[in-house]
Amino acid sequence: MLKNGNQLSGDVLKEKADSIVLDLGFTVVTVPVEDIQEQRLESQAAALKPEGGPDRIYTEVDPRALQERSVKALADELGGSVALVETPAALGSCFAIDERGYS
């Protein structure tokens, strides 16, 4: 929780005396310690919901079970789940995930 009321949530990459470096998933942010009101640390294991729980969308997959596929094959399979996101300042994309964790 920042002093201005905003919240950031991410993996702590580095803690320095004057700042904390967070990985937000799409960018890395350095936050000055003087701007932090409260810091809550939560272990990754505690943050995950139990397997099969209603809020859990990710499941672990054995990498050996994955097949290598071409970019075209992946685009054909997953392209319908991708959406264009456009703002006055930026352009990006996102994708949809259903309740079972599939796109």
PDB file of N, CA and C in Angstrom:
ATOM      1  N   MET A   1       0.855  -1.166   0.000  1.00  0.00           N
ATOM      2  CA  MET A   1       0.000   0.000   0.000  1.00  0.00           C
ATOM      3  C   MET A   1       0.905   1.233   0.000  1.00  0.00           C
ATOM      4  N   LEU A   2       0.656   2.113  -0.955  1.00  0.00           N
ATOM      5  CA  LEU A   2       1.440   3.332  -1.035  1.00  0.00           C
ATOM      6  C   LEU A   2       0.785   4.441  -0.212  1.00  0.00           C
ATOM      7  N   LYS A   3       1.539   5.440   0.158  1.00  0.00           N
ATOM      8  CA  LYS A   3       1.019   6.544   0.961  1.00  0.00           C
ATOM      9  C   LYS A   3      -0.074   7.318   0.242  1.00  0.00           C
ATOM     10  N   ASN A   4      -0.073   7.281  -1.103  1.00  0.00           N
ATOM     11  CA  ASN A   4      -1.103   8.002  -1.853  1.00  0.00           C
ATOM     12  C   ASN A   4      -2.387   7.191  -2.016  1.00  0.00           C
ATOM     13  N   GLY A   5      -2.455   5.989  -1.402  1.00  0.00           N
ATOM     14  CA  GLY A   5      -3.655   5.164  -1.450  1.00  0.00           C
ATOM     15  C   GLY A   5      -3.643   4.093  -2.523  1.00  0.00           C
ATOM     16  N   ASN A   6      -2.722   4.156  -3.466  1.00  0.00           N
ATOM     17  CA  ASN A   6      -2.619   3.130  -4.497  1.00  0.00           C
ATOM     18  C   ASN A   6      -1.981   1.870  -3.945  1.00  0.00           C
ATOM     19  N   GLN A   7      -2.265   0.744  -4.607  1.00  0.00           N
ATOM     20  CA  GLN A   7      -1.692  -0.525  -4.198  1.00  0.00           C
ATOM     21  C   GLN A   7      -0.949  -1.151  -5.354  1.00  0.00           C
ATOM     22  N   LEU A   8       0.148  -1.813  -5.061  1.00  0.00           N
ATOM     23  CA  LEU A   8       0.892  -2.580  -6.042  1.00  0.00           C
ATOM     24  C   LEU A   8       1.006  -4.003  -5.520  1.00  0.00           C
ATOM     25  N   SER A   9       0.915  -4.958  -6.423  1.00  0.00           N
ATOM     26  CA  SER A   9       1.042  -6.348  -6.036  1.00  0.00           C
ATOM     27  C   SER A   9       1.942  -7.042  -7.050  1.00  0.00           C
ATOM     28  N   GLY A  10       3.006  -7.645  -6.571  1.00  0.00           N
ATOM     29  CA  GLY A  10       3.918  -8.332  -7.467  1.00  0.00           C
ATOM     30  C   GLY A  10       4.999  -9.049  -6.691  1.00  0.00           C
ATOM     31  N   ASP A  11       5.862  -9.734  -7.437  1.00  0.00           N
ATOM     32  CA  ASP A  11       6.987 -10.435  -6.827  1.00  0.00           C
ATOM     33  C   ASP A  11       8.095  -9.444  -6.521  1.00  0.00           C
ATOM     34  N   VAL A  12       8.654  -9.523  -5.320  1.00  0.00           N
ATOM     35  CA  VAL A  12       9.763  -8.663  -4.935  1.00  0.00           C
ATOM     36  C   VAL A  12      11.031  -9.240  -5.561  1.00  0.00           C
ATOM     37  N   LEU A  13      11.647  -8.465  -6.455  1.00  0.00           N
ATOM     38  CA  LEU A  13      12.878  -8.902  -7.106  1.00  0.00           C
ATOM     39  C   LEU A  13      14.108  -8.518  -6.307  1.00  0.00           C
ATOM     40  N   LYS A  14      14.043  -7.331  -5.669  1.00  0.00           N
ATOM     41  CA  LYS A  14      15.194  -6.840  -4.915  1.00  0.00           C
ATOM     42  C   LYS A  14      14.731  -5.829  -3.886  1.00  0.00           C
ATOM     43  N   GLU A  15      15.307  -5.910  -2.697  1.00  0.00           N
ATOM     44  CA  GLU A  15      15.041  -4.920  -1.665  1.00  0.00           C
ATOM     45  C   GLU A  15      16.336  -4.179  -1.362  1.00  0.00           C
ATOM     46  N   LYS A  16      16.282  -2.864  -1.472  1.00  0.00           N
ATOM     47  CA  LYS A  16      17.422  -2.020  -1.140  1.00  0.00           C
ATOM     48  C   LYS A  16      17.033  -1.164   0.053  1.00  0.00           C
ATOM     49  N   ALA A  17      17.991  -0.457   0.610  1.00  0.00           N
ATOM     50  CA  ALA A  17      17.716   0.407   1.757  1.00  0.00           C
ATOM     51  C   ALA A  17      16.731   1.510   1.403  1.00  0.00           C
ATOM     52  N   ASP A  18      16.783   2.000   0.151  1.00  0.00           N
ATOM     53  CA  ASP A  18      15.936   3.131  -0.229  1.00  0.00           C
ATOM     54  C   ASP A  18      14.810   2.788  -1.204  1.00  0.00           C
ATOM     55  N   SER A  19      14.729   1.521  -1.667  1.00  0.00           N
ATOM     56  CA  SER A  19      13.684   1.167  -2.637  1.00  0.00           C
ATOM     57  C   SER A  19      13.443  -0.337  -2.674  1.00  0.00           C
ATOM     58  N   ILE A  20      12.315  -0.682  -3.271  1.00  0.00           N
ATOM     59  CA  ILE A  20      11.952  -2.083  -3.507  1.00  0.00           C
ATOM     60  C   ILE A  20      11.644  -2.219  -4.988  1.00  0.00           C
ATOM     61  N   VAL A  21      12.173  -3.268  -5.608  1.00  0.00           N
ATOM     62  CA  VAL A  21      11.942  -3.528  -7.024  1.00  0.00           C
ATOM     63  C   VAL A  21      10.921  -4.657  -7.137  1.00  0.00           C
ATOM     64  N   LEU A  22       9.786  -4.359  -7.813  1.00  0.00           N
ATOM     65  CA  LEU A  22       8.687  -5.316  -7.953  1.00  0.00           C
ATOM     66  C   LEU A  22       8.506  -5.741  -9.403  1.00  0.00           C
ATOM     67  N   ASP A  23       8.228  -7.028  -9.607  1.00  0.00           N
ATOM     68  CA  ASP A  23       7.852  -7.541 -10.924  1.00  0.00           C
ATOM     69  C   ASP A  23       6.335  -7.615 -10.929  1.00  0.00           C
ATOM     70  N   LEU A  24       5.678  -6.767 -11.737  1.00  0.00           N
ATOM     71  CA  LEU A  24       4.216  -6.736 -11.797  1.00  0.00           C
ATOM     72  C   LEU A  24       3.665  -7.676 -12.857  1.00  0.00           C
ATOM     73  N   GLY A  25       4.536  -8.418 -13.511  1.00  0.00           N
ATOM     74  CA  GLY A  25       4.085  -9.354 -14.525  1.00  0.00           C
ATOM     75  C   GLY A  25       4.264  -8.817 -15.929  1.00  0.00           C
ATOM     76  N   PHE A  26       3.962  -7.560 -16.144  1.00  0.00           N
ATOM     77  CA  PHE A  26       4.115  -6.951 -17.457  1.00  0.00           C
ATOM     78  C   PHE A  26       5.173  -5.859 -17.451  1.00  0.00           C
ATOM     79  N   THR A  27       5.631  -5.491 -16.275  1.00  0.00           N
ATOM     80  CA  THR A  27       6.687  -4.490 -16.152  1.00  0.00           C
ATOM     81  C   THR A  27       7.345  -4.622 -14.782  1.00  0.00           C
ATOM     82  N   VAL A  28       8.508  -4.032 -14.651  1.00  0.00           N
ATOM     83  CA  VAL A  28       9.231  -4.008 -13.383  1.00  0.00           C
ATOM     84  C   VAL A  28       9.224  -2.569 -12.881  1.00  0.00           C
ATOM     85  N   VAL A  29       8.902  -2.397 -11.601  1.00  0.00           N
ATOM     86  CA  VAL A  29       8.759  -1.066 -11.013  1.00  0.00           C
ATOM     87  C   VAL A  29       9.673  -0.940  -9.797  1.00  0.00           C
ATOM     88  N   THR A  30      10.340   0.206  -9.685  1.00  0.00           N
ATOM     89  CA  THR A  30      11.126   0.518  -8.495  1.00  0.00           C
ATOM     90  C   THR A  30      10.333   1.516  -7.665  1.00  0.00           C
ATOM     91  N   VAL A  31      10.050   1.136  -6.420  1.00  0.00           N
ATOM     92  CA  VAL A  31       9.238   1.969  -5.540  1.00  0.00           C
ATOM     93  C   VAL A  31      10.112   2.488  -4.401  1.00  0.00           C
ATOM     94  N   PRO A  32      10.197   3.807  -4.242  1.00  0.00           N
ATOM     95  CA  PRO A  32      10.970   4.352  -3.116  1.00  0.00           C
ATOM     96  C   PRO A  32      10.333   3.956  -1.787  1.00  0.00           C
ATOM     97  N   VAL A  33      11.157   3.545  -0.838  1.00  0.00           N
ATOM     98  CA  VAL A  33      10.667   3.125   0.486  1.00  0.00           C
ATOM     99  C   VAL A  33       9.885   4.252   1.150  1.00  0.00           C
ATOM    100  N   GLU A  34      10.269   5.490   0.932  1.00  0.00           N
ATOM    101  CA  GLU A  34       9.585   6.623   1.561  1.00  0.00           C
ATOM    102  C   GLU A  34       8.142   6.779   1.082  1.00  0.00           C
ATOM    103  N   ASP A  35       7.786   6.168  -0.054  1.00  0.00           N
ATOM    104  CA  ASP A  35       6.423   6.246  -0.573  1.00  0.00           C
ATOM    105  C   ASP A  35       5.546   5.075  -0.140  1.00  0.00           C
ATOM    106  N   ILE A  36       6.117   4.112   0.581  1.00  0.00           N
ATOM    107  CA  ILE A  36       5.376   2.925   1.001  1.00  0.00           C
ATOM    108  C   ILE A  36       4.792   3.145   2.391  1.00  0.00           C
ATOM    109  N   GLN A  37       3.467   2.958   2.491  1.00  0.00           N
ATOM    110  CA  GLN A  37       2.792   3.071   3.778  1.00  0.00           C
ATOM    111  C   GLN A  37       2.805   1.735   4.505  1.00  0.00           C
ATOM    112  N   GLU A  38       2.522   0.651   3.775  1.00  0.00           N
ATOM    113  CA  GLU A  38       2.430  -0.677   4.378  1.00  0.00           C
ATOM    114  C   GLU A  38       2.887  -1.706   3.354  1.00  0.00           C
ATOM    115  N   GLN A  39       3.627  -2.702   3.827  1.00  0.00           N
ATOM    116  CA  GLN A  39       4.084  -3.772   2.943  1.00  0.00           C
ATOM    117  C   GLN A  39       3.641  -5.102   3.524  1.00  0.00           C
ATOM    118  N   ARG A  40       2.910  -5.868   2.729  1.00  0.00           N
ATOM    119  CA  ARG A  40       2.482  -7.197   3.154  1.00  0.00           C
ATOM    120  C   ARG A  40       3.183  -8.224   2.290  1.00  0.00           C
ATOM    121  N   LEU A  41       3.879  -9.134   2.918  1.00  0.00           N
ATOM    122  CA  LEU A  41       4.548 -10.197   2.191  1.00  0.00           C
ATOM    123  C   LEU A  41       3.724 -11.471   2.321  1.00  0.00           C
ATOM    124  N   GLU A  42       3.552 -12.137   1.219  1.00  0.00           N
ATOM    125  CA  GLU A  42       2.768 -13.371   1.201  1.00  0.00           C
ATOM    126  C   GLU A  42       3.550 -14.390   0.400  1.00  0.00           C
ATOM    127  N   SER A  43       3.762 -15.545   0.982  1.00  0.00           N
ATOM    128  CA  SER A  43       4.511 -16.556   0.246  1.00  0.00           C
ATOM    129  C   SER A  43       3.696 -17.023  -0.945  1.00  0.00           C
ATOM    130  N   GLN A  44       4.386 -17.458  -1.980  1.00  0.00           N
ATOM    131  CA  GLN A  44       3.705 -17.895  -3.196  1.00  0.00           C
ATOM    132  C   GLN A  44       2.783 -19.067  -2.888  1.00  0.00           C
ATOM    133  N   ALA A  45       3.194 -19.973  -2.033  1.00  0.00           N
ATOM    134  CA  ALA A  45       2.370 -21.133  -1.707  1.00  0.00           C
ATOM    135  C   ALA A  45       1.069 -20.710  -1.026  1.00  0.00           C
ATOM    136  N   ALA A  46       1.139 -19.713  -0.156  1.00  0.00           N
ATOM    137  CA  ALA A  46      -0.059 -19.253   0.541  1.00  0.00           C
ATOM    138  C   ALA A  46      -0.992 -18.504  -0.392  1.00  0.00           C
ATOM    139  N   ALA A  47      -0.437 -17.893  -1.439  1.00  0.00           N
ATOM    140  CA  ALA A  47      -1.248 -17.095  -2.358  1.00  0.00           C
ATOM    141  C   ALA A  47      -2.080 -17.965  -3.297  1.00  0.00           C
ATOM    142  N   LEU A  48      -1.645 -19.196  -3.543  1.00  0.00           N
ATOM    143  CA  LEU A  48      -2.367 -20.066  -4.462  1.00  0.00           C
ATOM    144  C   LEU A  48      -3.573 -20.691  -3.793  1.00  0.00           C
ATOM    145  N   LYS A  49      -4.655 -20.790  -4.519  1.00  0.00           N
ATOM    146  CA  LYS A  49      -5.840 -21.469  -4.016  1.00  0.00           C
ATOM    147  C   LYS A  49      -5.621 -22.974  -4.160  1.00  0.00           C
ATOM    148  N   PRO A  50      -6.314 -23.800  -3.405  1.00  0.00           N
ATOM    149  CA  PRO A  50      -6.170 -25.246  -3.543  1.00  0.00           C
ATOM    150  C   PRO A  50      -6.542 -25.696  -4.951  1.00  0.00           C
ATOM    151  N   GLU A  51      -5.908 -26.750  -5.415  1.00  0.00           N
ATOM    152  CA  GLU A  51      -6.181 -27.308  -6.736  1.00  0.00           C
ATOM    153  C   GLU A  51      -7.671 -27.555  -6.892  1.00  0.00           C
ATOM    154  N   GLY A  52      -8.217 -27.093  -8.006  1.00  0.00           N
ATOM    155  CA  GLY A  52      -9.632 -27.318  -8.270  1.00  0.00           C
ATOM    156  C   GLY A  52     -10.544 -26.289  -7.635  1.00  0.00           C
ATOM    157  N   GLY A  53     -10.005 -25.357  -6.860  1.00  0.00           N
ATOM    158  CA  GLY A  53     -10.832 -24.334  -6.229  1.00  0.00           C
ATOM    159  C   GLY A  53     -11.416 -23.398  -7.275  1.00  0.00           C
ATOM    160  N   PRO A  54     -12.515 -22.714  -6.961  1.00  0.00           N
ATOM    161  CA  PRO A  54     -13.186 -21.875  -7.945  1.00  0.00           C
ATOM    162  C   PRO A  54     -12.364 -20.680  -8.417  1.00  0.00           C
ATOM    163  N   ASP A  55     -11.394 -20.229  -7.619  1.00  0.00           N
ATOM    164  CA  ASP A  55     -10.605 -19.067  -8.009  1.00  0.00           C
ATOM    165  C   ASP A  55      -9.294 -19.447  -8.687  1.00  0.00           C
ATOM    166  N   ARG A  56      -9.032 -20.713  -8.831  1.00  0.00           N
ATOM    167  CA  ARG A  56      -7.749 -21.157  -9.399  1.00  0.00           C
ATOM    168  C   ARG A  56      -7.897 -21.355 -10.903  1.00  0.00           C
ATOM    169  N   ILE A  57      -7.131 -20.613 -11.677  1.00  0.00           N
ATOM    170  CA  ILE A  57      -7.206 -20.758 -13.132  1.00  0.00           C
ATOM    171  C   ILE A  57      -5.940 -21.373 -13.710  1.00  0.00           C
ATOM    172  N   TYR A  58      -4.896 -21.493 -12.907  1.00  0.00           N
ATOM    173  CA  TYR A  58      -3.655 -22.072 -13.398  1.00  0.00           C
ATOM    174  C   TYR A  58      -3.474 -23.473 -12.832  1.00  0.00           C
ATOM    175  N   THR A  59      -2.988 -24.352 -13.652  1.00  0.00           N
ATOM    176  CA  THR A  59      -2.641 -25.690 -13.191  1.00  0.00           C
ATOM    177  C   THR A  59      -1.236 -26.005 -13.670  1.00  0.00           C
ATOM    178  N   GLU A  60      -0.520 -26.815 -12.900  1.00  0.00           N
ATOM    179  CA  GLU A  60       0.822 -27.181 -13.296  1.00  0.00           C
ATOM    180  C   GLU A  60       0.756 -28.231 -14.390  1.00  0.00           C
ATOM    181  N   VAL A  61       1.633 -28.082 -15.364  1.00  0.00           N
ATOM    182  CA  VAL A  61       1.699 -29.011 -16.478  1.00  0.00           C
ATOM    183  C   VAL A  61       3.120 -29.548 -16.549  1.00  0.00           C
ATOM    184  N   ASP A  62       3.240 -30.855 -16.725  1.00  0.00           N
ATOM    185  CA  ASP A  62       4.548 -31.464 -16.899  1.00  0.00           C
ATOM    186  C   ASP A  62       5.088 -31.022 -18.255  1.00  0.00           C
ATOM    187  N   PRO A  63       6.210 -30.293 -18.291  1.00  0.00           N
ATOM    188  CA  PRO A  63       6.732 -29.796 -19.567  1.00  0.00           C
ATOM    189  C   PRO A  63       7.005 -30.906 -20.576  1.00  0.00           C
ATOM    190  N   ARG A  64       7.254 -32.110 -20.088  1.00  0.00           N
ATOM    191  CA  ARG A  64       7.522 -33.222 -21.004  1.00  0.00           C
ATOM    192  C   ARG A  64       6.268 -33.623 -21.773  1.00  0.00           C
ATOM    193  N   ALA A  65       5.090 -33.249 -21.270  1.00  0.00           N
ATOM    194  CA  ALA A  65       3.833 -33.599 -21.934  1.00  0.00           C
ATOM    195  C   ALA A  65       3.461 -32.601 -23.033  1.00  0.00           C
ATOM    196  N   LEU A  66       4.165 -31.482 -23.098  1.00  0.00           N
ATOM    197  CA  LEU A  66       3.852 -30.467 -24.092  1.00  0.00           C
ATOM    198  C   LEU A  66       4.502 -30.802 -25.428  1.00  0.00           C
ATOM    199  N   GLN A  67       3.772 -30.544 -26.485  1.00  0.00           N
ATOM    200  CA  GLN A  67       4.306 -30.770 -27.814  1.00  0.00           C
ATOM    201  C   GLN A  67       4.822 -29.454 -28.376  1.00  0.00           C
ATOM    202  N   GLU A  68       5.952 -29.522 -29.069  1.00  0.00           N
ATOM    203  CA  GLU A  68       6.447 -28.331 -29.736  1.00  0.00           C
ATOM    204  C   GLU A  68       5.611 -28.115 -30.986  1.00  0.00           C
ATOM    205  N   ARG A  69       5.104 -26.887 -31.152  1.00  0.00           N
ATOM    206  CA  ARG A  69       4.261 -26.566 -32.309  1.00  0.00           C
ATOM    207  C   ARG A  69       4.744 -25.286 -32.954  1.00  0.00           C
ATOM    208  N   SER A  70       4.427 -25.116 -34.209  1.00  0.00           N
ATOM    209  CA  SER A  70       4.831 -23.910 -34.934  1.00  0.00           C
ATOM    210  C   SER A  70       4.010 -22.717 -34.449  1.00  0.00           C
ATOM    211  N   VAL A  71       4.515 -21.529 -34.733  1.00  0.00           N
ATOM    212  CA  VAL A  71       3.792 -20.308 -34.385  1.00  0.00           C
ATOM    213  C   VAL A  71       2.443 -20.289 -35.090  1.00  0.00           C
ATOM    214  N   LYS A  72       2.398 -20.721 -36.344  1.00  0.00           N
ATOM    215  CA  LYS A  72       1.137 -20.750 -37.096  1.00  0.00           C
ATOM    216  C   LYS A  72       0.120 -21.671 -36.424  1.00  0.00           C
ATOM    217  N   ALA A  73       0.556 -22.855 -35.992  1.00  0.00           N
ATOM    218  CA  ALA A  73      -0.360 -23.788 -35.331  1.00  0.00           C
ATOM    219  C   ALA A  73      -0.894 -23.197 -34.026  1.00  0.00           C
ATOM    220  N   LEU A  74      -0.018 -22.559 -33.255  1.00  0.00           N
ATOM    221  CA  LEU A  74      -0.456 -21.923 -32.012  1.00  0.00           C
ATOM    222  C   LEU A  74      -1.408 -20.766 -32.295  1.00  0.00           C
ATOM    223  N   ALA A  75      -1.110 -19.960 -33.313  1.00  0.00           N
ATOM    224  CA  ALA A  75      -1.982 -18.836 -33.672  1.00  0.00           C
ATOM    225  C   ALA A  75      -3.344 -19.333 -34.127  1.00  0.00           C
ATOM    226  N   ASP A  76      -3.369 -20.414 -34.909  1.00  0.00           N
ATOM    227  CA  ASP A  76      -4.644 -20.976 -35.352  1.00  0.00           C
ATOM    228  C   ASP A  76      -5.471 -21.465 -34.169  1.00  0.00           C
ATOM    229  N   GLU A  77      -4.814 -22.095 -33.205  1.00  0.00           N
ATOM    230  CA  GLU A  77      -5.525 -22.658 -32.047  1.00  0.00           C
ATOM    231  C   GLU A  77      -5.965 -21.587 -31.053  1.00  0.00           C
ATOM    232  N   LEU A  78      -5.106 -20.619 -30.785  1.00  0.00           N
ATOM    233  CA  LEU A  78      -5.355 -19.668 -29.700  1.00  0.00           C
ATOM    234  C   LEU A  78      -5.749 -18.267 -30.161  1.00  0.00           C
ATOM    235  N   GLY A  79      -5.693 -17.998 -31.452  1.00  0.00           N
ATOM    236  CA  GLY A  79      -5.936 -16.654 -31.974  1.00  0.00           C
ATOM    237  C   GLY A  79      -7.288 -16.078 -31.609  1.00  0.00           C
ATOM    238  N   GLY A  80      -8.311 -16.918 -31.514  1.00  0.00           N
ATOM    239  CA  GLY A  80      -9.647 -16.435 -31.164  1.00  0.00           C
ATOM    240  C   GLY A  80      -9.749 -15.898 -29.751  1.00  0.00           C
ATOM    241  N   SER A  81      -8.790 -16.223 -28.901  1.00  0.00           N
ATOM    242  CA  SER A  81      -8.806 -15.778 -27.505  1.00  0.00           C
ATOM    243  C   SER A  81      -8.082 -14.456 -27.300  1.00  0.00           C
ATOM    244  N   VAL A  82      -7.411 -13.959 -28.338  1.00  0.00           N
ATOM    245  CA  VAL A  82      -6.600 -12.743 -28.214  1.00  0.00           C
ATOM    246  C   VAL A  82      -7.413 -11.529 -28.640  1.00  0.00           C
ATOM    247  N   ALA A  83      -7.313 -10.462 -27.858  1.00  0.00           N
ATOM    248  CA  ALA A  83      -8.030  -9.227 -28.168  1.00  0.00           C
ATOM    249  C   ALA A  83      -7.044  -8.064 -28.235  1.00  0.00           C
ATOM    250  N   LEU A  84      -7.327  -7.108 -29.080  1.00  0.00           N
ATOM    251  CA  LEU A  84      -6.533  -5.888 -29.185  1.00  0.00           C
ATOM    252  C   LEU A  84      -7.016  -4.897 -28.139  1.00  0.00           C
ATOM    253  N   VAL A  85      -6.079  -4.294 -27.413  1.00  0.00           N
ATOM    254  CA  VAL A  85      -6.398  -3.273 -26.413  1.00  0.00           C
ATOM    255  C   VAL A  85      -5.721  -1.990 -26.861  1.00  0.00           C
ATOM    256  N   GLU A  86      -6.519  -0.935 -27.033  1.00  0.00           N
ATOM    257  CA  GLU A  86      -5.977   0.327 -27.524  1.00  0.00           C
ATOM    258  C   GLU A  86      -6.434   1.466 -26.625  1.00  0.00           C
ATOM    259  N   THR A  87      -5.477   2.293 -26.221  1.00  0.00           N
ATOM    260  CA  THR A  87      -5.765   3.504 -25.454  1.00  0.00           C
ATOM    261  C   THR A  87      -5.148   4.676 -26.206  1.00  0.00           C
ATOM    262  N   PRO A  88      -5.448   5.906 -25.816  1.00  0.00           N
ATOM    263  CA  PRO A  88      -4.827   7.041 -26.498  1.00  0.00           C
ATOM    264  C   PRO A  88      -3.295   7.030 -26.392  1.00  0.00           C
ATOM    265  N   ALA A  89      -2.759   6.392 -25.339  1.00  0.00           N
ATOM    266  CA  ALA A  89      -1.316   6.430 -25.115  1.00  0.00           C
ATOM    267  C   ALA A  89      -0.593   5.141 -25.485  1.00  0.00           C
ATOM    268  N   ALA A  90      -1.321   4.044 -25.701  1.00  0.00           N
ATOM    269  CA  ALA A  90      -0.623   2.770 -25.898  1.00  0.00           C
ATOM    270  C   ALA A  90      -1.465   1.785 -26.692  1.00  0.00           C
ATOM    271  N   LEU A  91      -0.797   0.738 -27.130  1.00  0.00           N
ATOM    272  CA  LEU A  91      -1.430  -0.340 -27.878  1.00  0.00           C
ATOM    273  C   LEU A  91      -0.936  -1.646 -27.279  1.00  0.00           C
ATOM    274  N   GLY A  92      -1.819  -2.610 -27.089  1.00  0.00           N
ATOM    275  CA  GLY A  92      -1.409  -3.882 -26.503  1.00  0.00           C
ATOM    276  C   GLY A  92      -2.378  -4.981 -26.862  1.00  0.00           C
ATOM    277  N   SER A  93      -2.248  -6.086 -26.166  1.00  0.00           N
ATOM    278  CA  SER A  93      -3.143  -7.216 -26.395  1.00  0.00           C
ATOM    279  C   SER A  93      -3.403  -7.924 -25.078  1.00  0.00           C
ATOM    280  N   CYS A  94      -4.423  -8.743 -25.079  1.00  0.00           N
ATOM    281  CA  CYS A  94      -4.744  -9.557 -23.913  1.00  0.00           C
ATOM    282  C   CYS A  94      -5.374 -10.834 -24.422  1.00  0.00           C
ATOM    283  N   PHE A  95      -5.607 -11.784 -23.539  1.00  0.00           N
ATOM    284  CA  PHE A  95      -6.274 -13.001 -23.958  1.00  0.00           C
ATOM    285  C   PHE A  95      -7.243 -13.448 -22.878  1.00  0.00           C
ATOM    286  N   ALA A  96      -8.251 -14.191 -23.286  1.00  0.00           N
ATOM    287  CA  ALA A  96      -9.316 -14.637 -22.389  1.00  0.00           C
ATOM    288  C   ALA A  96      -8.985 -16.029 -21.839  1.00  0.00           C
ATOM    289  N   ILE A  97      -9.315 -16.246 -20.584  1.00  0.00           N
ATOM    290  CA  ILE A  97      -9.149 -17.550 -19.939  1.00  0.00           C
ATOM    291  C   ILE A  97     -10.488 -17.913 -19.330  1.00  0.00           C
ATOM    292  N   ASP A  98     -10.956 -19.130 -19.582  1.00  0.00           N
ATOM    293  CA  ASP A  98     -12.234 -19.550 -19.016  1.00  0.00           C
ATOM    294  C   ASP A  98     -12.071 -20.066 -17.592  1.00  0.00           C
ATOM    295  N   GLU A  99     -13.185 -20.502 -16.979  1.00  0.00           N
ATOM    296  CA  GLU A  99     -13.178 -20.952 -15.586  1.00  0.00           C
ATOM    297  C   GLU A  99     -12.246 -22.127 -15.345  1.00  0.00           C
ATOM    298  N   ARG A 100     -11.989 -22.923 -16.377  1.00  0.00           N
ATOM    299  CA  ARG A 100     -11.120 -24.090 -16.222  1.00  0.00           C
ATOM    300  C   ARG A 100      -9.659 -23.761 -16.465  1.00  0.00           C
ATOM    301  N   GLY A 101      -9.359 -22.505 -16.819  1.00  0.00           N
ATOM    302  CA  GLY A 101      -7.978 -22.109 -17.036  1.00  0.00           C
ATOM    303  C   GLY A 101      -7.507 -22.259 -18.450  1.00  0.00           C
ATOM    304  N   TYR A 102      -8.439 -22.425 -19.380  1.00  0.00           N
ATOM    305  CA  TYR A 102      -8.083 -22.602 -20.790  1.00  0.00           C
ATOM    306  C   TYR A 102      -8.410 -21.367 -21.588  1.00  0.00           C
ATOM    307  N   SER A 103      -7.584 -21.079 -22.594  1.00  0.00           N
ATOM    308  CA  SER A 103      -7.895 -19.955 -23.469  1.00  0.00           C
ATOM    309  C   SER A 103      -8.726 -20.439 -24.635  1.00  0.00           C
TER     310      SER A 103
END
